Protein backbone atom coordinates (compact mmCIF):
# COMPACT_ATOMS: atom_id res chain seq x y z
CA MET A 1 -8.39 14.99 7.58
CA ARG A 2 -7.94 11.42 6.04
CA THR A 3 -10.89 9.63 4.68
CA PRO A 4 -11.03 5.92 5.57
CA LEU A 5 -10.13 5.11 2.07
CA ASP A 6 -6.86 7.00 2.48
CA ARG A 7 -6.27 4.97 5.66
CA VAL A 8 -6.78 1.68 4.16
CA ALA A 9 -4.82 2.57 1.16
CA LEU A 10 -1.87 3.50 3.48
CA VAL A 11 -2.25 0.24 5.51
CA LEU A 12 -1.99 -1.84 2.26
CA ILE A 13 1.21 0.30 1.25
CA ILE A 14 2.74 -0.32 4.46
CA ILE A 15 2.18 -4.09 4.07
CA GLY A 16 3.54 -4.08 0.73
CA ALA A 17 6.45 -2.23 1.87
CA LEU A 18 7.12 -4.87 4.55
CA ASN A 19 6.93 -7.65 1.97
CA TRP A 20 9.41 -5.55 -0.23
CA LEU A 21 11.63 -5.33 2.89
CA SER A 22 11.67 -8.98 3.68
CA VAL A 23 12.32 -9.71 0.00
CA GLY A 24 15.34 -7.40 -0.10
CA LEU A 25 16.65 -8.58 3.19
CA PHE A 26 15.94 -12.20 3.37
CA ARG A 27 14.92 -12.99 -0.09
CA TYR A 28 11.50 -14.33 1.60
CA ASP A 29 8.42 -13.22 -0.21
CA LEU A 30 5.75 -13.56 2.60
CA VAL A 31 2.65 -13.06 0.36
CA SER A 32 3.97 -15.77 -1.98
CA ALA A 33 4.84 -17.93 1.06
CA MET A 34 1.43 -17.67 2.24
CA PHE A 35 -0.63 -17.95 -0.66
CA GLY A 36 1.67 -19.85 -3.27
CA SER A 37 3.81 -18.17 -5.80
CA ALA A 38 1.51 -18.02 -8.74
CA SER A 39 -2.00 -18.28 -7.23
CA LEU A 40 -4.69 -16.19 -8.22
CA ILE A 41 -4.80 -14.93 -4.83
CA THR A 42 -1.22 -13.67 -4.66
CA ARG A 43 -1.55 -11.60 -7.89
CA ALA A 44 -4.76 -10.25 -6.64
CA ILE A 45 -2.94 -8.97 -3.10
CA PHE A 46 -0.06 -7.55 -5.51
CA VAL A 47 -2.68 -5.74 -7.69
CA ILE A 48 -4.56 -4.53 -4.75
CA VAL A 49 -1.51 -3.13 -3.16
CA GLY A 50 -0.35 -1.55 -6.39
CA ILE A 51 -3.83 0.15 -6.64
CA ALA A 52 -3.38 1.42 -3.39
CA GLY A 53 -0.02 2.73 -4.28
CA LEU A 54 -1.32 4.34 -7.30
CA TYR A 55 -4.49 6.11 -5.22
CA SER A 56 -1.91 7.37 -2.63
CA ILE A 57 -0.16 9.45 -5.17
CA SER A 58 -3.17 11.70 -4.81
CA LEU A 59 -2.38 12.05 -1.11
CA LEU A 60 0.83 14.48 -2.33
CA PHE A 61 -1.27 16.77 -3.99
CA ARG A 62 -3.93 17.35 -1.50
CA GLU A 63 -3.84 20.24 0.59
CA SER A 64 -4.18 19.57 4.28
CA ASP A 65 -7.32 20.85 6.35
CA GLN A 66 -4.67 22.92 8.49
CA ALA A 67 -3.15 24.35 5.44
CA VAL A 68 -6.54 25.56 4.19
CA ARG A 69 -7.72 26.89 7.49
CA GLN A 70 -4.70 29.23 7.66
CA GLN A 71 -5.47 30.84 4.46
């Protein structure tokens, strides 16, 4: 079972991945286009997405409820 924080982190990671996809395919940074390339908001968004990515590393090492029930 995922917590609400897990779900928020995964959504932020998906948003970050889609932004990287647009950078890789089209050389278009959606976040920078929306908020400015060097703005404080843009940097804050990138930091928040990065923190979500670091937090999500913990998802790799958690046992699922189903695995715990089977033991």
